[in-house]
N, C-alpha and C. Protein backbone atom coordinates (compact mmCIF):
# COMPACT_ATOMS: atom_id res chain seq x y z
N ALA A 1 0.84 -1.19 0.00
CA ALA A 1 0.00 0.00 0.00
C ALA A 1 0.88 1.25 0.00
N PHE A 2 0.36 2.30 -0.60
CA PHE A 2 1.09 3.56 -0.66
C PHE A 2 0.86 4.33 0.64
N ASP A 3 1.91 4.93 1.17
CA ASP A 3 1.81 5.68 2.42
C ASP A 3 2.11 7.15 2.13
N THR A 4 1.10 7.85 1.67
CA THR A 4 1.24 9.26 1.34
C THR A 4 -0.10 9.96 1.54
N ALA A 5 -0.06 11.26 1.73
CA ALA A 5 -1.26 12.03 2.10
C ALA A 5 -2.32 12.11 1.01
N HIS A 6 -1.94 11.96 -0.26
CA HIS A 6 -2.90 12.18 -1.34
C HIS A 6 -3.17 10.95 -2.19
N VAL A 7 -3.07 9.79 -1.56
CA VAL A 7 -3.52 8.53 -2.15
C VAL A 7 -4.49 7.92 -1.14
N VAL A 8 -5.66 7.48 -1.62
CA VAL A 8 -6.66 6.89 -0.73
C VAL A 8 -6.03 5.68 -0.02
N ARG A 9 -6.20 5.64 1.30
CA ARG A 9 -5.59 4.58 2.10
C ARG A 9 -6.37 3.27 2.00
N LEU A 10 -5.63 2.19 1.81
CA LEU A 10 -6.19 0.85 1.86
C LEU A 10 -6.19 0.43 3.32
N LEU A 11 -7.37 0.11 3.85
CA LEU A 11 -7.48 -0.26 5.26
C LEU A 11 -7.48 -1.77 5.46
N GLY A 12 -7.93 -2.51 4.46
CA GLY A 12 -7.95 -3.96 4.60
C GLY A 12 -8.62 -4.64 3.43
N VAL A 13 -8.55 -5.97 3.46
CA VAL A 13 -9.16 -6.80 2.42
C VAL A 13 -9.86 -7.96 3.11
N VAL A 14 -11.09 -8.25 2.67
CA VAL A 14 -11.82 -9.42 3.16
C VAL A 14 -11.83 -10.43 2.02
N SER A 15 -11.11 -11.53 2.22
CA SER A 15 -10.97 -12.51 1.14
C SER A 15 -11.83 -13.75 1.35
N GLN A 16 -12.54 -13.83 2.47
CA GLN A 16 -13.44 -14.96 2.68
C GLN A 16 -14.71 -14.73 1.88
N GLY A 17 -15.10 -15.71 1.12
CA GLY A 17 -16.30 -15.60 0.31
C GLY A 17 -16.07 -14.79 -0.95
N GLN A 18 -17.12 -14.65 -1.71
CA GLN A 18 -17.05 -13.91 -2.97
C GLN A 18 -18.12 -12.82 -2.95
N PRO A 19 -17.88 -11.67 -3.48
CA PRO A 19 -16.60 -11.23 -4.04
C PRO A 19 -15.62 -10.83 -2.93
N THR A 20 -14.36 -10.71 -3.30
CA THR A 20 -13.36 -10.18 -2.38
C THR A 20 -13.69 -8.71 -2.14
N LEU A 21 -13.63 -8.27 -0.89
CA LEU A 21 -13.97 -6.89 -0.54
C LEU A 21 -12.71 -6.11 -0.18
N VAL A 22 -12.61 -4.91 -0.72
CA VAL A 22 -11.50 -4.01 -0.43
C VAL A 22 -12.04 -2.89 0.45
N ILE A 23 -11.41 -2.65 1.58
CA ILE A 23 -11.86 -1.62 2.52
C ILE A 23 -10.90 -0.43 2.42
N MET A 24 -11.46 0.70 2.00
CA MET A 24 -10.67 1.91 1.79
C MET A 24 -11.14 3.00 2.76
N GLU A 25 -10.32 4.03 2.93
CA GLU A 25 -10.73 5.16 3.77
C GLU A 25 -11.94 5.84 3.15
N LEU A 26 -12.80 6.39 3.99
CA LEU A 26 -14.01 7.06 3.52
C LEU A 26 -13.67 8.40 2.88
N MET A 27 -14.16 8.60 1.67
CA MET A 27 -14.03 9.88 0.97
C MET A 27 -15.47 10.37 0.76
N ALA A 28 -15.96 11.16 1.70
CA ALA A 28 -17.38 11.49 1.84
C ALA A 28 -18.00 12.19 0.64
N ASN A 29 -17.21 12.92 -0.15
CA ASN A 29 -17.76 13.64 -1.30
C ASN A 29 -17.64 12.86 -2.60
N GLY A 30 -17.26 11.59 -2.52
CA GLY A 30 -17.22 10.75 -3.72
C GLY A 30 -16.10 11.12 -4.67
N ASP A 31 -16.32 10.81 -5.95
CA ASP A 31 -15.27 11.08 -6.93
C ASP A 31 -15.32 12.53 -7.40
N LEU A 32 -14.19 13.02 -7.89
CA LEU A 32 -14.05 14.42 -8.28
C LEU A 32 -14.98 14.78 -9.44
N LYS A 33 -15.14 13.89 -10.39
CA LYS A 33 -16.02 14.16 -11.54
C LYS A 33 -17.45 14.44 -11.07
N SER A 34 -17.98 13.57 -10.23
CA SER A 34 -19.35 13.75 -9.71
C SER A 34 -19.45 14.99 -8.83
N TYR A 35 -18.42 15.22 -8.02
CA TYR A 35 -18.41 16.39 -7.14
C TYR A 35 -18.49 17.68 -7.96
N LEU A 36 -17.64 17.78 -8.99
CA LEU A 36 -17.64 19.00 -9.81
C LEU A 36 -18.95 19.16 -10.57
N ARG A 37 -19.48 18.07 -11.10
CA ARG A 37 -20.76 18.15 -11.83
C ARG A 37 -21.90 18.58 -10.90
N SER A 38 -21.90 18.09 -9.69
CA SER A 38 -23.00 18.42 -8.77
C SER A 38 -22.88 19.84 -8.22
N HIS A 39 -21.73 20.47 -8.38
CA HIS A 39 -21.54 21.83 -7.87
C HIS A 39 -21.48 22.89 -8.96
N ARG A 40 -21.76 22.52 -10.20
CA ARG A 40 -21.77 23.54 -11.24
C ARG A 40 -23.17 24.18 -11.29
N PRO A 41 -23.22 25.45 -11.65
CA PRO A 41 -24.51 26.14 -11.70
C PRO A 41 -25.42 25.53 -12.77
N ASP A 42 -26.70 25.39 -12.46
CA ASP A 42 -27.69 24.90 -13.42
C ASP A 42 -28.49 26.10 -13.90
N ILE A 43 -28.10 26.64 -15.04
CA ILE A 43 -28.72 27.86 -15.57
C ILE A 43 -30.20 27.65 -15.89
N GLU A 44 -30.54 26.50 -16.47
CA GLU A 44 -31.92 26.25 -16.90
C GLU A 44 -32.89 26.14 -15.72
N ASN A 45 -32.48 25.52 -14.64
CA ASN A 45 -33.36 25.30 -13.49
C ASN A 45 -32.85 26.05 -12.27
N TYR A 46 -32.50 27.29 -12.45
CA TYR A 46 -31.88 28.07 -11.38
C TYR A 46 -32.83 28.23 -10.20
N ASP A 47 -32.37 27.81 -9.04
CA ASP A 47 -33.11 27.97 -7.79
C ASP A 47 -32.08 28.31 -6.72
N PRO A 48 -32.02 29.58 -6.30
CA PRO A 48 -30.98 30.00 -5.36
C PRO A 48 -31.01 29.26 -4.02
N THR A 49 -32.15 28.66 -3.67
CA THR A 49 -32.22 27.93 -2.40
C THR A 49 -31.55 26.56 -2.49
N LEU A 50 -31.38 26.05 -3.72
CA LEU A 50 -30.81 24.72 -3.90
C LEU A 50 -29.36 24.75 -4.39
N ILE A 51 -28.83 25.94 -4.60
CA ILE A 51 -27.51 26.04 -5.24
C ILE A 51 -26.40 25.49 -4.34
N LYS A 52 -25.54 24.71 -4.94
CA LYS A 52 -24.30 24.27 -4.29
C LYS A 52 -23.22 25.12 -4.93
N HIS A 53 -22.51 25.85 -4.13
CA HIS A 53 -21.52 26.76 -4.68
C HIS A 53 -20.36 26.00 -5.28
N PRO A 54 -19.96 26.38 -6.50
CA PRO A 54 -18.81 25.72 -7.13
C PRO A 54 -17.54 26.03 -6.35
N PRO A 55 -16.54 25.16 -6.46
CA PRO A 55 -15.28 25.44 -5.76
C PRO A 55 -14.65 26.72 -6.29
N THR A 56 -13.98 27.43 -5.42
CA THR A 56 -13.29 28.67 -5.82
C THR A 56 -12.04 28.32 -6.62
N LEU A 57 -11.47 29.32 -7.27
CA LEU A 57 -10.22 29.10 -8.01
C LEU A 57 -9.14 28.58 -7.07
N LYS A 58 -9.08 29.14 -5.87
CA LYS A 58 -8.09 28.69 -4.89
C LYS A 58 -8.29 27.21 -4.55
N GLN A 59 -9.54 26.79 -4.37
CA GLN A 59 -9.82 25.38 -4.07
C GLN A 59 -9.46 24.48 -5.24
N ILE A 60 -9.76 24.93 -6.46
CA ILE A 60 -9.43 24.13 -7.65
C ILE A 60 -7.92 23.97 -7.79
N LEU A 61 -7.18 25.05 -7.58
CA LEU A 61 -5.72 24.96 -7.65
C LEU A 61 -5.18 24.04 -6.56
N GLN A 62 -5.76 24.09 -5.36
CA GLN A 62 -5.35 23.19 -4.28
C GLN A 62 -5.61 21.74 -4.67
N MET A 63 -6.76 21.49 -5.29
CA MET A 63 -7.08 20.13 -5.75
C MET A 63 -6.05 19.65 -6.76
N ALA A 64 -5.67 20.52 -7.69
CA ALA A 64 -4.67 20.16 -8.71
C ALA A 64 -3.33 19.83 -8.05
N ILE A 65 -2.95 20.61 -7.06
CA ILE A 65 -1.69 20.36 -6.34
C ILE A 65 -1.76 19.01 -5.63
N GLU A 66 -2.90 18.71 -5.02
CA GLU A 66 -3.05 17.44 -4.30
C GLU A 66 -3.02 16.25 -5.26
N ILE A 67 -3.60 16.40 -6.44
CA ILE A 67 -3.55 15.34 -7.45
C ILE A 67 -2.10 15.12 -7.90
N ALA A 68 -1.39 16.21 -8.17
CA ALA A 68 0.02 16.09 -8.57
C ALA A 68 0.84 15.43 -7.47
N ASP A 69 0.60 15.82 -6.22
CA ASP A 69 1.31 15.22 -5.10
C ASP A 69 0.97 13.74 -4.97
N GLY A 70 -0.30 13.42 -5.17
CA GLY A 70 -0.73 12.03 -5.09
C GLY A 70 -0.11 11.16 -6.17
N MET A 71 0.19 11.73 -7.32
CA MET A 71 0.82 10.97 -8.41
C MET A 71 2.33 10.91 -8.25
N ALA A 72 2.93 11.85 -7.55
CA ALA A 72 4.40 11.88 -7.41
C ALA A 72 4.91 10.67 -6.63
N TYR A 73 4.22 10.29 -5.58
CA TYR A 73 4.68 9.18 -4.73
C TYR A 73 4.73 7.85 -5.50
N PRO A 74 3.62 7.42 -6.13
CA PRO A 74 3.70 6.15 -6.87
C PRO A 74 4.71 6.22 -8.02
N SER A 75 4.82 7.38 -8.64
CA SER A 75 5.79 7.55 -9.73
C SER A 75 7.21 7.34 -9.22
N ALA A 76 7.51 7.87 -8.04
CA ALA A 76 8.83 7.70 -7.45
C ALA A 76 9.11 6.23 -7.12
N LYS A 77 8.04 5.46 -6.91
CA LYS A 77 8.17 4.02 -6.63
C LYS A 77 8.11 3.19 -7.92
N LYS A 78 8.18 3.88 -9.07
CA LYS A 78 8.14 3.22 -10.40
C LYS A 78 6.80 2.52 -10.65
N PHE A 79 5.73 3.10 -10.14
CA PHE A 79 4.39 2.56 -10.32
C PHE A 79 3.62 3.50 -11.25
N VAL A 80 2.94 2.94 -12.24
CA VAL A 80 2.16 3.74 -13.19
C VAL A 80 0.68 3.51 -12.92
N HIS A 81 -0.09 4.59 -12.78
CA HIS A 81 -1.52 4.48 -12.50
C HIS A 81 -2.28 3.95 -13.71
N ARG A 82 -2.04 4.47 -14.88
CA ARG A 82 -2.63 4.08 -16.16
C ARG A 82 -4.07 4.53 -16.39
N ASP A 83 -4.74 5.10 -15.39
CA ASP A 83 -6.11 5.55 -15.61
C ASP A 83 -6.44 6.76 -14.73
N LEU A 84 -5.52 7.74 -14.72
CA LEU A 84 -5.79 8.94 -13.94
C LEU A 84 -6.88 9.74 -14.63
N ALA A 85 -7.97 9.95 -13.93
CA ALA A 85 -9.11 10.71 -14.44
C ALA A 85 -9.87 11.24 -13.23
N ALA A 86 -10.71 12.24 -13.46
CA ALA A 86 -11.48 12.82 -12.36
C ALA A 86 -12.33 11.76 -11.65
N ARG A 87 -12.78 10.75 -12.38
CA ARG A 87 -13.59 9.69 -11.76
C ARG A 87 -12.77 8.83 -10.79
N ASN A 88 -11.43 8.88 -10.88
CA ASN A 88 -10.55 8.11 -10.01
C ASN A 88 -9.83 8.97 -8.96
N CYS A 89 -10.25 10.21 -8.85
CA CYS A 89 -9.77 11.11 -7.80
C CYS A 89 -10.93 11.27 -6.82
N MET A 90 -10.66 11.03 -5.55
CA MET A 90 -11.71 11.03 -4.55
C MET A 90 -11.62 12.27 -3.68
N VAL A 91 -12.79 12.77 -3.24
CA VAL A 91 -12.87 14.03 -2.50
C VAL A 91 -13.38 13.76 -1.08
N SER A 92 -12.59 14.18 -0.10
CA SER A 92 -12.98 13.97 1.31
C SER A 92 -13.96 15.04 1.76
N GLU A 93 -14.43 14.91 2.98
CA GLU A 93 -15.38 15.87 3.54
C GLU A 93 -14.81 17.28 3.58
N ASP A 94 -13.50 17.41 3.82
CA ASP A 94 -12.87 18.74 3.88
C ASP A 94 -12.30 19.18 2.52
N LEU A 95 -12.71 18.50 1.45
CA LEU A 95 -12.33 18.79 0.06
C LEU A 95 -10.89 18.43 -0.28
N THR A 96 -10.24 17.62 0.54
CA THR A 96 -8.93 17.09 0.17
C THR A 96 -9.15 16.07 -0.94
N VAL A 97 -8.31 16.12 -1.97
CA VAL A 97 -8.42 15.19 -3.10
C VAL A 97 -7.30 14.17 -3.02
N LYS A 98 -7.69 12.90 -3.21
CA LYS A 98 -6.72 11.80 -3.17
C LYS A 98 -6.93 10.89 -4.37
N ILE A 99 -5.84 10.31 -4.84
CA ILE A 99 -5.89 9.40 -5.98
C ILE A 99 -6.38 8.04 -5.49
N GLY A 100 -7.27 7.43 -6.26
CA GLY A 100 -7.77 6.10 -5.94
C GLY A 100 -7.80 5.22 -7.17
N ASP A 101 -8.37 4.05 -7.04
CA ASP A 101 -8.54 3.08 -8.12
C ASP A 101 -7.24 2.74 -8.82
N PHE A 102 -6.35 2.11 -8.09
CA PHE A 102 -5.09 1.67 -8.68
C PHE A 102 -5.21 0.30 -9.33
N GLY A 103 -6.43 -0.15 -9.54
CA GLY A 103 -6.64 -1.43 -10.21
C GLY A 103 -6.52 -2.53 -9.26
């Protein structure tokens, strides 16, 4: 397992029975793709009471830095992710972004 701040932590594996279960740290806001889509303004059905504010430029830049940091560690270990995409970046409750789905 990778031991770095911006890779989703593997907590354990349950191999008894089928399917095999992988236990990962909780990333409460799900994947980055879904998070960004759910926080973009909906011009057609605008309702100010339901709006989820999009991330600020500062937050987006922080997310990019965290993704880069998350990729630096496995790269230094000669490991290639092969499927880095917003759907494989996970967002925690405090908006920290971590790389997941290493296959």
